[in-house]
Amino acid sequence: MTIHRFEPNGKRLSHVLVHNGIAYVTGQVPTDRSQGIEGQTLQLLDRIDHLLGVAGTDKSKILFAQIWLRNIKRDFAPMNALWESWIPEDALPARATVESNLAADEILIEIALQAAV
């Protein structure tokens, strides 16, 4: 059984790992938390593009995405508009979006996903 781990964060986690033809991207949060939902979402989509590339795949192969929003009523529509412009129309993954009390007050969004390699 081979597991390839990429971009470790100290002793806590790998930002992406590949096992059995699946890339697992850990929950990503924005680094610049001073931005609103649009800026934070764009940061995460860029970071996900990077991590998928490191794992040898891309957004057209996303199987399932989990999205957590601090305020779903306020932020769902603008986040979804950016998601829809980012994800290929012929590669729509399964997805769940929920409201959650995130790790810090300034974090408005977190995204984790799995993709085929």
PDB file of N, CA and C in Angstrom:
ATOM      1  N   MET A   1       0.850  -1.165   0.000  1.00  0.00           N
ATOM      2  CA  MET A   1       0.000   0.000   0.000  1.00  0.00           C
ATOM      3  C   MET A   1       0.906   1.241   0.000  1.00  0.00           C
ATOM      4  N   THR A   2       0.793   2.054  -1.047  1.00  0.00           N
ATOM      5  CA  THR A   2       1.609   3.257  -1.151  1.00  0.00           C
ATOM      6  C   THR A   2       0.745   4.488  -0.922  1.00  0.00           C
ATOM      7  N   ILE A   3       1.223   5.352  -0.053  1.00  0.00           N
ATOM      8  CA  ILE A   3       0.573   6.640   0.186  1.00  0.00           C
ATOM      9  C   ILE A   3       1.623   7.711  -0.065  1.00  0.00           C
ATOM     10  N   HIS A   4       1.305   8.659  -0.931  1.00  0.00           N
ATOM     11  CA  HIS A   4       2.197   9.777  -1.218  1.00  0.00           C
ATOM     12  C   HIS A   4       1.641  11.010  -0.512  1.00  0.00           C
ATOM     13  N   ARG A   5       2.464  11.619   0.337  1.00  0.00           N
ATOM     14  CA  ARG A   5       2.045  12.784   1.118  1.00  0.00           C
ATOM     15  C   ARG A   5       2.790  14.017   0.618  1.00  0.00           C
ATOM     16  N   PHE A   6       2.055  15.118   0.438  1.00  0.00           N
ATOM     17  CA  PHE A   6       2.640  16.347  -0.093  1.00  0.00           C
ATOM     18  C   PHE A   6       2.314  17.528   0.815  1.00  0.00           C
ATOM     19  N   GLU A   7       3.243  18.451   0.859  1.00  0.00           N
ATOM     20  CA  GLU A   7       3.101  19.713   1.590  1.00  0.00           C
ATOM     21  C   GLU A   7       2.653  19.508   3.036  1.00  0.00           C
ATOM     22  N   PRO A   8       3.509  18.837   3.821  1.00  0.00           N
ATOM     23  CA  PRO A   8       3.168  18.648   5.236  1.00  0.00           C
ATOM     24  C   PRO A   8       3.146  19.981   5.983  1.00  0.00           C
ATOM     25  N   ASN A   9       2.315  20.023   7.006  1.00  0.00           N
ATOM     26  CA  ASN A   9       2.203  21.189   7.872  1.00  0.00           C
ATOM     27  C   ASN A   9       2.696  20.756   9.250  1.00  0.00           C
ATOM     28  N   GLY A  10       4.025  20.832   9.435  1.00  0.00           N
ATOM     29  CA  GLY A  10       4.585  20.389  10.710  1.00  0.00           C
ATOM     30  C   GLY A  10       4.295  18.925  10.949  1.00  0.00           C
ATOM     31  N   LYS A  11       3.856  18.606  12.142  1.00  0.00           N
ATOM     32  CA  LYS A  11       3.549  17.223  12.517  1.00  0.00           C
ATOM     33  C   LYS A  11       2.050  16.941  12.512  1.00  0.00           C
ATOM     34  N   ARG A  12       1.267  17.898  11.988  1.00  0.00           N
ATOM     35  CA  ARG A  12      -0.184  17.781  12.095  1.00  0.00           C
ATOM     36  C   ARG A  12      -0.843  17.102  10.901  1.00  0.00           C
ATOM     37  N   LEU A  13      -0.470  17.481   9.674  1.00  0.00           N
ATOM     38  CA  LEU A  13      -1.198  16.988   8.510  1.00  0.00           C
ATOM     39  C   LEU A  13      -0.397  17.193   7.235  1.00  0.00           C
ATOM     40  N   SER A  14      -0.835  16.518   6.176  1.00  0.00           N
ATOM     41  CA  SER A  14      -0.362  16.781   4.814  1.00  0.00           C
ATOM     42  C   SER A  14      -1.484  17.531   4.118  1.00  0.00           C
ATOM     43  N   HIS A  15      -1.140  18.574   3.369  1.00  0.00           N
ATOM     44  CA  HIS A  15      -2.197  19.337   2.702  1.00  0.00           C
ATOM     45  C   HIS A  15      -2.869  18.540   1.593  1.00  0.00           C
ATOM     46  N   VAL A  16      -2.124  17.599   1.013  1.00  0.00           N
ATOM     47  CA  VAL A  16      -2.717  16.697   0.024  1.00  0.00           C
ATOM     48  C   VAL A  16      -1.963  15.373   0.096  1.00  0.00           C
ATOM     49  N   LEU A  17      -2.712  14.292  -0.062  1.00  0.00           N
ATOM     50  CA  LEU A  17      -2.072  12.983  -0.175  1.00  0.00           C
ATOM     51  C   LEU A  17      -2.807  12.176  -1.222  1.00  0.00           C
ATOM     52  N   VAL A  18      -2.085  11.204  -1.777  1.00  0.00           N
ATOM     53  CA  VAL A  18      -2.651  10.354  -2.825  1.00  0.00           C
ATOM     54  C   VAL A  18      -2.550   8.905  -2.385  1.00  0.00           C
ATOM     55  N   HIS A  19      -3.667   8.210  -2.489  1.00  0.00           N
ATOM     56  CA  HIS A  19      -3.724   6.787  -2.181  1.00  0.00           C
ATOM     57  C   HIS A  19      -4.746   6.132  -3.097  1.00  0.00           C
ATOM     58  N   ASN A  20      -4.345   5.031  -3.696  1.00  0.00           N
ATOM     59  CA  ASN A  20      -5.284   4.236  -4.488  1.00  0.00           C
ATOM     60  C   ASN A  20      -5.982   5.051  -5.582  1.00  0.00           C
ATOM     61  N   GLY A  21      -5.260   5.973  -6.218  1.00  0.00           N
ATOM     62  CA  GLY A  21      -5.813   6.744  -7.325  1.00  0.00           C
ATOM     63  C   GLY A  21      -6.700   7.903  -6.921  1.00  0.00           C
ATOM     64  N   ILE A  22      -6.713   8.241  -5.639  1.00  0.00           N
ATOM     65  CA  ILE A  22      -7.520   9.364  -5.145  1.00  0.00           C
ATOM     66  C   ILE A  22      -6.603  10.358  -4.443  1.00  0.00           C
ATOM     67  N   ALA A  23      -6.779  11.637  -4.775  1.00  0.00           N
ATOM     68  CA  ALA A  23      -6.081  12.723  -4.068  1.00  0.00           C
ATOM     69  C   ALA A  23      -7.037  13.283  -3.028  1.00  0.00           C
ATOM     70  N   TYR A  24      -6.543  13.381  -1.802  1.00  0.00           N
ATOM     71  CA  TYR A  24      -7.322  13.920  -0.689  1.00  0.00           C
ATOM     72  C   TYR A  24      -6.719  15.269  -0.308  1.00  0.00           C
ATOM     73  N   VAL A  25      -7.494  16.329  -0.469  1.00  0.00           N
ATOM     74  CA  VAL A  25      -7.044  17.671  -0.101  1.00  0.00           C
ATOM     75  C   VAL A  25      -7.670  18.011   1.241  1.00  0.00           C
ATOM     76  N   THR A  26      -6.808  18.287   2.227  1.00  0.00           N
ATOM     77  CA  THR A  26      -7.288  18.606   3.557  1.00  0.00           C
ATOM     78  C   THR A  26      -8.046  19.934   3.541  1.00  0.00           C
ATOM     79  N   GLY A  27      -8.808  20.196   4.569  1.00  0.00           N
ATOM     80  CA  GLY A  27      -9.555  21.445   4.662  1.00  0.00           C
ATOM     81  C   GLY A  27      -8.636  22.650   4.510  1.00  0.00           C
ATOM     82  N   GLN A  28      -8.914  23.473   3.525  1.00  0.00           N
ATOM     83  CA  GLN A  28      -8.109  24.660   3.248  1.00  0.00           C
ATOM     84  C   GLN A  28      -8.847  25.890   3.764  1.00  0.00           C
ATOM     85  N   VAL A  29      -8.089  26.755   4.431  1.00  0.00           N
ATOM     86  CA  VAL A  29      -8.636  28.023   4.917  1.00  0.00           C
ATOM     87  C   VAL A  29      -7.793  29.159   4.350  1.00  0.00           C
ATOM     88  N   PRO A  30      -8.361  30.348   4.243  1.00  0.00           N
ATOM     89  CA  PRO A  30      -7.630  31.461   3.644  1.00  0.00           C
ATOM     90  C   PRO A  30      -6.464  31.922   4.515  1.00  0.00           C
ATOM     91  N   THR A  31      -5.389  32.371   3.857  1.00  0.00           N
ATOM     92  CA  THR A  31      -4.256  32.943   4.592  1.00  0.00           C
ATOM     93  C   THR A  31      -4.492  34.420   4.876  1.00  0.00           C
ATOM     94  N   ASP A  32      -5.117  35.122   3.925  1.00  0.00           N
ATOM     95  CA  ASP A  32      -5.466  36.536   4.139  1.00  0.00           C
ATOM     96  C   ASP A  32      -6.920  36.582   4.576  1.00  0.00           C
ATOM     97  N   ARG A  33      -7.102  36.644   5.873  1.00  0.00           N
ATOM     98  CA  ARG A  33      -8.445  36.578   6.443  1.00  0.00           C
ATOM     99  C   ARG A  33      -9.097  37.949   6.567  1.00  0.00           C
ATOM    100  N   SER A  34      -8.436  38.981   6.074  1.00  0.00           N
ATOM    101  CA  SER A  34      -9.015  40.324   6.115  1.00  0.00           C
ATOM    102  C   SER A  34     -10.000  40.525   4.965  1.00  0.00           C
ATOM    103  N   GLN A  35      -9.996  39.618   3.994  1.00  0.00           N
ATOM    104  CA  GLN A  35     -10.869  39.741   2.826  1.00  0.00           C
ATOM    105  C   GLN A  35     -12.263  39.202   3.120  1.00  0.00           C
ATOM    106  N   GLY A  36     -13.223  39.626   2.307  1.00  0.00           N
ATOM    107  CA  GLY A  36     -14.580  39.122   2.404  1.00  0.00           C
ATOM    108  C   GLY A  36     -14.691  37.750   1.766  1.00  0.00           C
ATOM    109  N   ILE A  37     -15.906  37.264   1.618  1.00  0.00           N
ATOM    110  CA  ILE A  37     -16.125  35.907   1.112  1.00  0.00           C
ATOM    111  C   ILE A  37     -15.571  35.738  -0.299  1.00  0.00           C
ATOM    112  N   GLU A  38     -15.679  36.746  -1.150  1.00  0.00           N
ATOM    113  CA  GLU A  38     -15.164  36.607  -2.509  1.00  0.00           C
ATOM    114  C   GLU A  38     -13.649  36.421  -2.500  1.00  0.00           C
ATOM    115  N   GLY A  39     -12.950  37.278  -1.773  1.00  0.00           N
ATOM    116  CA  GLY A  39     -11.497  37.171  -1.711  1.00  0.00           C
ATOM    117  C   GLY A  39     -11.039  35.874  -1.072  1.00  0.00           C
ATOM    118  N   GLN A  40     -11.706  35.462  -0.002  1.00  0.00           N
ATOM    119  CA  GLN A  40     -11.332  34.214   0.663  1.00  0.00           C
ATOM    120  C   GLN A  40     -11.603  33.006  -0.237  1.00  0.00           C
ATOM    121  N   THR A  41     -12.724  33.028  -0.948  1.00  0.00           N
ATOM    122  CA  THR A  41     -13.041  31.923  -1.854  1.00  0.00           C
ATOM    123  C   THR A  41     -12.014  31.831  -2.964  1.00  0.00           C
ATOM    124  N   LEU A  42     -11.657  32.958  -3.571  1.00  0.00           N
ATOM    125  CA  LEU A  42     -10.664  32.941  -4.644  1.00  0.00           C
ATOM    126  C   LEU A  42      -9.319  32.424  -4.152  1.00  0.00           C
ATOM    127  N   GLN A  43      -8.925  32.791  -2.939  1.00  0.00           N
ATOM    128  CA  GLN A  43      -7.686  32.257  -2.368  1.00  0.00           C
ATOM    129  C   GLN A  43      -7.731  30.730  -2.310  1.00  0.00           C
ATOM    130  N   LEU A  44      -8.844  30.196  -1.841  1.00  0.00           N
ATOM    131  CA  LEU A  44      -8.952  28.746  -1.683  1.00  0.00           C
ATOM    132  C   LEU A  44      -8.981  28.040  -3.032  1.00  0.00           C
ATOM    133  N   LEU A  45      -9.674  28.590  -4.002  1.00  0.00           N
ATOM    134  CA  LEU A  45      -9.724  27.959  -5.318  1.00  0.00           C
ATOM    135  C   LEU A  45      -8.338  27.946  -5.957  1.00  0.00           C
ATOM    136  N   ASP A  46      -7.578  29.025  -5.810  1.00  0.00           N
ATOM    137  CA  ASP A  46      -6.200  29.053  -6.310  1.00  0.00           C
ATOM    138  C   ASP A  46      -5.338  28.023  -5.592  1.00  0.00           C
ATOM    139  N   ARG A  47      -5.474  27.937  -4.285  1.00  0.00           N
ATOM    140  CA  ARG A  47      -4.695  26.986  -3.488  1.00  0.00           C
ATOM    141  C   ARG A  47      -5.058  25.549  -3.867  1.00  0.00           C
ATOM    142  N   ILE A  48      -6.334  25.288  -4.084  1.00  0.00           N
ATOM    143  CA  ILE A  48      -6.771  23.952  -4.484  1.00  0.00           C
ATOM    144  C   ILE A  48      -6.209  23.594  -5.850  1.00  0.00           C
ATOM    145  N   ASP A  49      -6.218  24.529  -6.801  1.00  0.00           N
ATOM    146  CA  ASP A  49      -5.595  24.283  -8.106  1.00  0.00           C
ATOM    147  C   ASP A  49      -4.137  23.854  -7.918  1.00  0.00           C
ATOM    148  N   HIS A  50      -3.425  24.569  -7.059  1.00  0.00           N
ATOM    149  CA  HIS A  50      -2.024  24.254  -6.797  1.00  0.00           C
ATOM    150  C   HIS A  50      -1.876  22.850  -6.195  1.00  0.00           C
ATOM    151  N   LEU A  51      -2.635  22.551  -5.157  1.00  0.00           N
ATOM    152  CA  LEU A  51      -2.516  21.256  -4.480  1.00  0.00           C
ATOM    153  C   LEU A  51      -2.896  20.093  -5.395  1.00  0.00           C
ATOM    154  N   LEU A  52      -3.926  20.270  -6.196  1.00  0.00           N
ATOM    155  CA  LEU A  52      -4.296  19.220  -7.145  1.00  0.00           C
ATOM    156  C   LEU A  52      -3.176  18.994  -8.150  1.00  0.00           C
ATOM    157  N   GLY A  53      -2.534  20.066  -8.600  1.00  0.00           N
ATOM    158  CA  GLY A  53      -1.406  19.937  -9.514  1.00  0.00           C
ATOM    159  C   GLY A  53      -0.245  19.182  -8.889  1.00  0.00           C
ATOM    160  N   VAL A  54       0.050  19.475  -7.627  1.00  0.00           N
ATOM    161  CA  VAL A  54       1.109  18.762  -6.894  1.00  0.00           C
ATOM    162  C   VAL A  54       0.794  17.270  -6.856  1.00  0.00           C
ATOM    163  N   ALA A  55      -0.465  16.928  -6.728  1.00  0.00           N
ATOM    164  CA  ALA A  55      -0.882  15.523  -6.641  1.00  0.00           C
ATOM    165  C   ALA A  55      -1.023  14.862  -8.006  1.00  0.00           C
ATOM    166  N   GLY A  56      -0.841  15.623  -9.081  1.00  0.00           N
ATOM    167  CA  GLY A  56      -0.929  15.056 -10.419  1.00  0.00           C
ATOM    168  C   GLY A  56      -2.325  14.979 -10.984  1.00  0.00           C
ATOM    169  N   THR A  57      -3.192  15.868 -10.547  1.00  0.00           N
ATOM    170  CA  THR A  57      -4.567  15.882 -11.045  1.00  0.00           C
ATOM    171  C   THR A  57      -5.007  17.334 -11.211  1.00  0.00           C
ATOM    172  N   ASP A  58      -6.290  17.547 -11.441  1.00  0.00           N
ATOM    173  CA  ASP A  58      -6.803  18.905 -11.595  1.00  0.00           C
ATOM    174  C   ASP A  58      -8.288  18.952 -11.241  1.00  0.00           C
ATOM    175  N   LYS A  59      -8.851  20.152 -11.280  1.00  0.00           N
ATOM    176  CA  LYS A  59     -10.234  20.359 -10.834  1.00  0.00           C
ATOM    177  C   LYS A  59     -11.269  19.620 -11.679  1.00  0.00           C
ATOM    178  N   SER A  60     -10.915  19.219 -12.893  1.00  0.00           N
ATOM    179  CA  SER A  60     -11.870  18.475 -13.719  1.00  0.00           C
ATOM    180  C   SER A  60     -12.086  17.057 -13.207  1.00  0.00           C
ATOM    181  N   LYS A  61     -11.260  16.637 -12.237  1.00  0.00           N
ATOM    182  CA  LYS A  61     -11.360  15.279 -11.709  1.00  0.00           C
ATOM    183  C   LYS A  61     -11.831  15.247 -10.256  1.00  0.00           C
ATOM    184  N   ILE A  62     -12.347  16.382  -9.764  1.00  0.00           N
ATOM    185  CA  ILE A  62     -12.865  16.398  -8.392  1.00  0.00           C
ATOM    186  C   ILE A  62     -14.080  15.483  -8.306  1.00  0.00           C
ATOM    187  N   LEU A  63     -14.067  14.620  -7.309  1.00  0.00           N
ATOM    188  CA  LEU A  63     -15.171  13.687  -7.084  1.00  0.00           C
ATOM    189  C   LEU A  63     -16.177  14.236  -6.087  1.00  0.00           C
ATOM    190  N   PHE A  64     -15.665  14.805  -4.990  1.00  0.00           N
ATOM    191  CA  PHE A  64     -16.537  15.286  -3.920  1.00  0.00           C
ATOM    192  C   PHE A  64     -15.878  16.460  -3.223  1.00  0.00           C
ATOM    193  N   ALA A  65     -16.638  17.495  -2.982  1.00  0.00           N
ATOM    194  CA  ALA A  65     -16.147  18.673  -2.261  1.00  0.00           C
ATOM    195  C   ALA A  65     -17.044  18.940  -1.066  1.00  0.00           C
ATOM    196  N   GLN A  66     -16.410  19.334   0.030  1.00  0.00           N
ATOM    197  CA  GLN A  66     -17.128  19.755   1.228  1.00  0.00           C
ATOM    198  C   GLN A  66     -16.777  21.217   1.472  1.00  0.00           C
ATOM    199  N   ILE A  67     -17.802  22.035   1.626  1.00  0.00           N
ATOM    200  CA  ILE A  67     -17.599  23.465   1.843  1.00  0.00           C
ATOM    201  C   ILE A  67     -18.316  23.861   3.126  1.00  0.00           C
ATOM    202  N   TRP A  68     -17.567  24.544   3.987  1.00  0.00           N
ATOM    203  CA  TRP A  68     -18.133  25.069   5.220  1.00  0.00           C
ATOM    204  C   TRP A  68     -18.120  26.590   5.140  1.00  0.00           C
ATOM    205  N   LEU A  69     -19.258  27.207   5.438  1.00  0.00           N
ATOM    206  CA  LEU A  69     -19.378  28.664   5.449  1.00  0.00           C
ATOM    207  C   LEU A  69     -19.749  29.127   6.852  1.00  0.00           C
ATOM    208  N   ARG A  70     -19.137  30.216   7.280  1.00  0.00           N
ATOM    209  CA  ARG A  70     -19.478  30.785   8.589  1.00  0.00           C
ATOM    210  C   ARG A  70     -20.915  31.306   8.579  1.00  0.00           C
ATOM    211  N   ASN A  71     -21.323  31.961   7.485  1.00  0.00           N
ATOM    212  CA  ASN A  71     -22.668  32.535   7.396  1.00  0.00           C
ATOM    213  C   ASN A  71     -23.265  32.136   6.039  1.00  0.00           C
ATOM    214  N   ILE A  72     -24.023  31.063   6.014  1.00  0.00           N
ATOM    215  CA  ILE A  72     -24.507  30.516   4.746  1.00  0.00           C
ATOM    216  C   ILE A  72     -25.531  31.433   4.068  1.00  0.00           C
ATOM    217  N   LYS A  73     -26.368  32.115   4.852  1.00  0.00           N
ATOM    218  CA  LYS A  73     -27.353  33.014   4.243  1.00  0.00           C
ATOM    219  C   LYS A  73     -26.676  34.155   3.491  1.00  0.00           C
ATOM    220  N   ARG A  74     -25.665  34.736   4.085  1.00  0.00           N
ATOM    221  CA  ARG A  74     -24.970  35.875   3.479  1.00  0.00           C
ATOM    222  C   ARG A  74     -24.015  35.449   2.369  1.00  0.00           C
ATOM    223  N   ASP A  75     -23.315  34.312   2.552  1.00  0.00           N
ATOM    224  CA  ASP A  75     -22.162  34.006   1.708  1.00  0.00           C
ATOM    225  C   ASP A  75     -22.379  32.921   0.662  1.00  0.00           C
ATOM    226  N   PHE A  76     -23.497  32.199   0.712  1.00  0.00           N
ATOM    227  CA  PHE A  76     -23.689  31.099  -0.232  1.00  0.00           C
ATOM    228  C   PHE A  76     -23.718  31.583  -1.674  1.00  0.00           C
ATOM    229  N   ALA A  77     -24.502  32.589  -1.983  1.00  0.00           N
ATOM    230  CA  ALA A  77     -24.640  33.043  -3.377  1.00  0.00           C
ATOM    231  C   ALA A  77     -23.319  33.561  -3.949  1.00  0.00           C
ATOM    232  N   PRO A  78     -22.588  34.465  -3.256  1.00  0.00           N
ATOM    233  CA  PRO A  78     -21.330  34.927  -3.852  1.00  0.00           C
ATOM    234  C   PRO A  78     -20.271  33.819  -3.949  1.00  0.00           C
ATOM    235  N   MET A  79     -20.214  32.931  -2.968  1.00  0.00           N
ATOM    236  CA  MET A  79     -19.267  31.808  -3.044  1.00  0.00           C
ATOM    237  C   MET A  79     -19.633  30.913  -4.215  1.00  0.00           C
ATOM    238  N   ASN A  80     -20.916  30.616  -4.356  1.00  0.00           N
ATOM    239  CA  ASN A  80     -21.369  29.721  -5.412  1.00  0.00           C
ATOM    240  C   ASN A  80     -21.096  30.306  -6.796  1.00  0.00           C
ATOM    241  N   ALA A  81     -21.244  31.601  -6.970  1.00  0.00           N
ATOM    242  CA  ALA A  81     -20.955  32.237  -8.258  1.00  0.00           C
ATOM    243  C   ALA A  81     -19.490  32.034  -8.643  1.00  0.00           C
ATOM    244  N   LEU A  82     -18.593  32.185  -7.677  1.00  0.00           N
ATOM    245  CA  LEU A  82     -17.169  31.971  -7.952  1.00  0.00           C
ATOM    246  C   LEU A  82     -16.883  30.503  -8.228  1.00  0.00           C
ATOM    247  N   TRP A  83     -17.494  29.605  -7.454  1.00  0.00           N
ATOM    248  CA  TRP A  83     -17.332  28.170  -7.683  1.00  0.00           C
ATOM    249  C   TRP A  83     -17.770  27.811  -9.097  1.00  0.00           C
ATOM    250  N   GLU A  84     -18.939  28.307  -9.506  1.00  0.00           N
ATOM    251  CA  GLU A  84     -19.485  27.976 -10.818  1.00  0.00           C
ATOM    252  C   GLU A  84     -18.608  28.489 -11.949  1.00  0.00           C
ATOM    253  N   SER A  85     -17.952  29.622 -11.761  1.00  0.00           N
ATOM    254  CA  SER A  85     -17.057  30.124 -12.808  1.00  0.00           C
ATOM    255  C   SER A  85     -15.719  29.385 -12.806  1.00  0.00           C
ATOM    256  N   TRP A  86     -15.381  28.718 -11.715  1.00  0.00           N
ATOM    257  CA  TRP A  86     -14.106  28.008 -11.581  1.00  0.00           C
ATOM    258  C   TRP A  86     -14.189  26.550 -12.037  1.00  0.00           C
ATOM    259  N   ILE A  87     -15.258  25.858 -11.680  1.00  0.00           N
ATOM    260  CA  ILE A  87     -15.347  24.420 -11.958  1.00  0.00           C
ATOM    261  C   ILE A  87     -15.806  24.200 -13.406  1.00  0.00           C
ATOM    262  N   PRO A  88     -15.172  23.274 -14.129  1.00  0.00           N
ATOM    263  CA  PRO A  88     -15.609  23.011 -15.506  1.00  0.00           C
ATOM    264  C   PRO A  88     -17.050  22.495 -15.538  1.00  0.00           C
ATOM    265  N   GLU A  89     -17.825  23.014 -16.463  1.00  0.00           N
ATOM    266  CA  GLU A  89     -19.247  22.664 -16.542  1.00  0.00           C
ATOM    267  C   GLU A  89     -19.462  21.177 -16.815  1.00  0.00           C
ATOM    268  N   ASP A  90     -18.504  20.544 -17.501  1.00  0.00           N
ATOM    269  CA  ASP A  90     -18.651  19.120 -17.815  1.00  0.00           C
ATOM    270  C   ASP A  90     -17.990  18.222 -16.758  1.00  0.00           C
ATOM    271  N   ALA A  91     -17.620  18.803 -15.617  1.00  0.00           N
ATOM    272  CA  ALA A  91     -16.932  18.030 -14.577  1.00  0.00           C
ATOM    273  C   ALA A  91     -17.478  18.358 -13.188  1.00  0.00           C
ATOM    274  N   LEU A  92     -18.779  18.513 -13.087  1.00  0.00           N
ATOM    275  CA  LEU A  92     -19.376  18.888 -11.811  1.00  0.00           C
ATOM    276  C   LEU A  92     -19.277  17.750 -10.800  1.00  0.00           C
ATOM    277  N   PRO A  93     -18.665  18.005  -9.644  1.00  0.00           N
ATOM    278  CA  PRO A  93     -18.530  16.965  -8.625  1.00  0.00           C
ATOM    279  C   PRO A  93     -19.768  16.880  -7.748  1.00  0.00           C
ATOM    280  N   ALA A  94     -19.835  15.855  -6.941  1.00  0.00           N
ATOM    281  CA  ALA A  94     -20.786  15.833  -5.837  1.00  0.00           C
ATOM    282  C   ALA A  94     -20.268  16.862  -4.829  1.00  0.00           C
ATOM    283  N   ARG A  95     -21.180  17.511  -4.084  1.00  0.00           N
ATOM    284  CA  ARG A  95     -20.734  18.573  -3.182  1.00  0.00           C
ATOM    285  C   ARG A  95     -21.714  18.747  -2.044  1.00  0.00           C
ATOM    286  N   ALA A  96     -21.186  19.104  -0.886  1.00  0.00           N
ATOM    287  CA  ALA A  96     -22.016  19.463   0.260  1.00  0.00           C
ATOM    288  C   ALA A  96     -21.535  20.818   0.772  1.00  0.00           C
ATOM    289  N   THR A  97     -22.487  21.692   1.084  1.00  0.00           N
ATOM    290  CA  THR A  97     -22.162  23.004   1.646  1.00  0.00           C
ATOM    291  C   THR A  97     -23.011  23.192   2.887  1.00  0.00           C
ATOM    292  N   VAL A  98     -22.347  23.500   4.002  1.00  0.00           N
ATOM    293  CA  VAL A  98     -23.054  23.667   5.261  1.00  0.00           C
ATOM    294  C   VAL A  98     -22.534  24.893   5.998  1.00  0.00           C
ATOM    295  N   GLU A  99     -23.321  25.364   6.948  1.00  0.00           N
ATOM    296  CA  GLU A  99     -22.880  26.444   7.829  1.00  0.00           C
ATOM    297  C   GLU A  99     -22.160  25.834   9.022  1.00  0.00           C
ATOM    298  N   SER A 100     -21.071  26.485   9.446  1.00  0.00           N
ATOM    299  CA  SER A 100     -20.281  25.934  10.533  1.00  0.00           C
ATOM    300  C   SER A 100     -19.591  27.038  11.318  1.00  0.00           C
ATOM    301  N   ASN A 101     -19.400  26.786  12.591  1.00  0.00           N
ATOM    302  CA  ASN A 101     -18.592  27.655  13.436  1.00  0.00           C
ATOM    303  C   ASN A 101     -17.141  27.270  13.184  1.00  0.00           C
ATOM    304  N   LEU A 102     -16.433  28.055  12.370  1.00  0.00           N
ATOM    305  CA  LEU A 102     -15.080  27.707  11.941  1.00  0.00           C
ATOM    306  C   LEU A 102     -14.050  28.048  13.008  1.00  0.00           C
ATOM    307  N   ALA A 103     -12.794  27.661  12.783  1.00  0.00           N
ATOM    308  CA  ALA A 103     -11.738  27.709  13.801  1.00  0.00           C
ATOM    309  C   ALA A 103     -11.379  29.110  14.286  1.00  0.00           C
ATOM    310  N   ALA A 104     -11.596  30.126  13.466  1.00  0.00           N
ATOM    311  CA  ALA A 104     -11.318  31.506  13.869  1.00  0.00           C
ATOM    312  C   ALA A 104     -12.421  32.399  13.313  1.00  0.00           C
ATOM    313  N   ASP A 105     -12.738  33.450  14.023  1.00  0.00           N
ATOM    314  CA  ASP A 105     -13.836  34.333  13.606  1.00  0.00           C
ATOM    315  C   ASP A 105     -13.633  34.917  12.218  1.00  0.00           C
ATOM    316  N   GLU A 106     -12.381  35.126  11.807  1.00  0.00           N
ATOM    317  CA  GLU A 106     -12.092  35.760  10.517  1.00  0.00           C
ATOM    318  C   GLU A 106     -12.204  34.791   9.343  1.00  0.00           C
ATOM    319  N   ILE A 107     -12.253  33.501   9.623  1.00  0.00           N
ATOM    320  CA  ILE A 107     -12.373  32.507   8.551  1.00  0.00           C
ATOM    321  C   ILE A 107     -13.843  32.426   8.148  1.00  0.00           C
ATOM    322  N   LEU A 108     -14.118  32.731   6.883  1.00  0.00           N
ATOM    323  CA  LEU A 108     -15.489  32.714   6.376  1.00  0.00           C
ATOM    324  C   LEU A 108     -15.807  31.439   5.608  1.00  0.00           C
ATOM    325  N   ILE A 109     -14.755  30.700   5.173  1.00  0.00           N
ATOM    326  CA  ILE A 109     -14.955  29.525   4.327  1.00  0.00           C
ATOM    327  C   ILE A 109     -13.815  28.529   4.535  1.00  0.00           C
ATOM    328  N   GLU A 110     -14.150  27.257   4.421  1.00  0.00           N
ATOM    329  CA  GLU A 110     -13.163  26.184   4.391  1.00  0.00           C
ATOM    330  C   GLU A 110     -13.621  25.183   3.355  1.00  0.00           C
ATOM    331  N   ILE A 111     -12.676  24.645   2.577  1.00  0.00           N
ATOM    332  CA  ILE A 111     -12.999  23.661   1.533  1.00  0.00           C
ATOM    333  C   ILE A 111     -12.058  22.471   1.651  1.00  0.00           C
ATOM    334  N   ALA A 112     -12.620  21.255   1.618  1.00  0.00           N
ATOM    335  CA  ALA A 112     -11.856  20.013   1.533  1.00  0.00           C
ATOM    336  C   ALA A 112     -12.444  19.220   0.372  1.00  0.00           C
ATOM    337  N   LEU A 113     -11.618  18.373  -0.258  1.00  0.00           N
ATOM    338  CA  LEU A 113     -12.146  17.616  -1.395  1.00  0.00           C
ATOM    339  C   LEU A 113     -11.319  16.378  -1.688  1.00  0.00           C
ATOM    340  N   GLN A 114     -11.894  15.555  -2.542  1.00  0.00           N
ATOM    341  CA  GLN A 114     -11.224  14.367  -3.073  1.00  0.00           C
ATOM    342  C   GLN A 114     -11.323  14.412  -4.589  1.00  0.00           C
ATOM    343  N   ALA A 115     -10.238  13.987  -5.269  1.00  0.00           N
ATOM    344  CA  ALA A 115     -10.217  13.987  -6.722  1.00  0.00           C
ATOM    345  C   ALA A 115      -9.543  12.733  -7.240  1.00  0.00           C
ATOM    346  N   ALA A 116      -9.977  12.258  -8.386  1.00  0.00           N
ATOM    347  CA  ALA A 116      -9.309  11.141  -9.040  1.00  0.00           C
ATOM    348  C   ALA A 116      -7.967  11.621  -9.583  1.00  0.00           C
ATOM    349  N   VAL A 117      -7.004  10.715  -9.582  1.00  0.00           N
ATOM    350  CA  VAL A 117      -5.665  11.042 -10.124  1.00  0.00           C
ATOM    351  C   VAL A 117      -5.520  10.391 -11.475  1.00  0.00           C
TER     352      VAL A 117
END
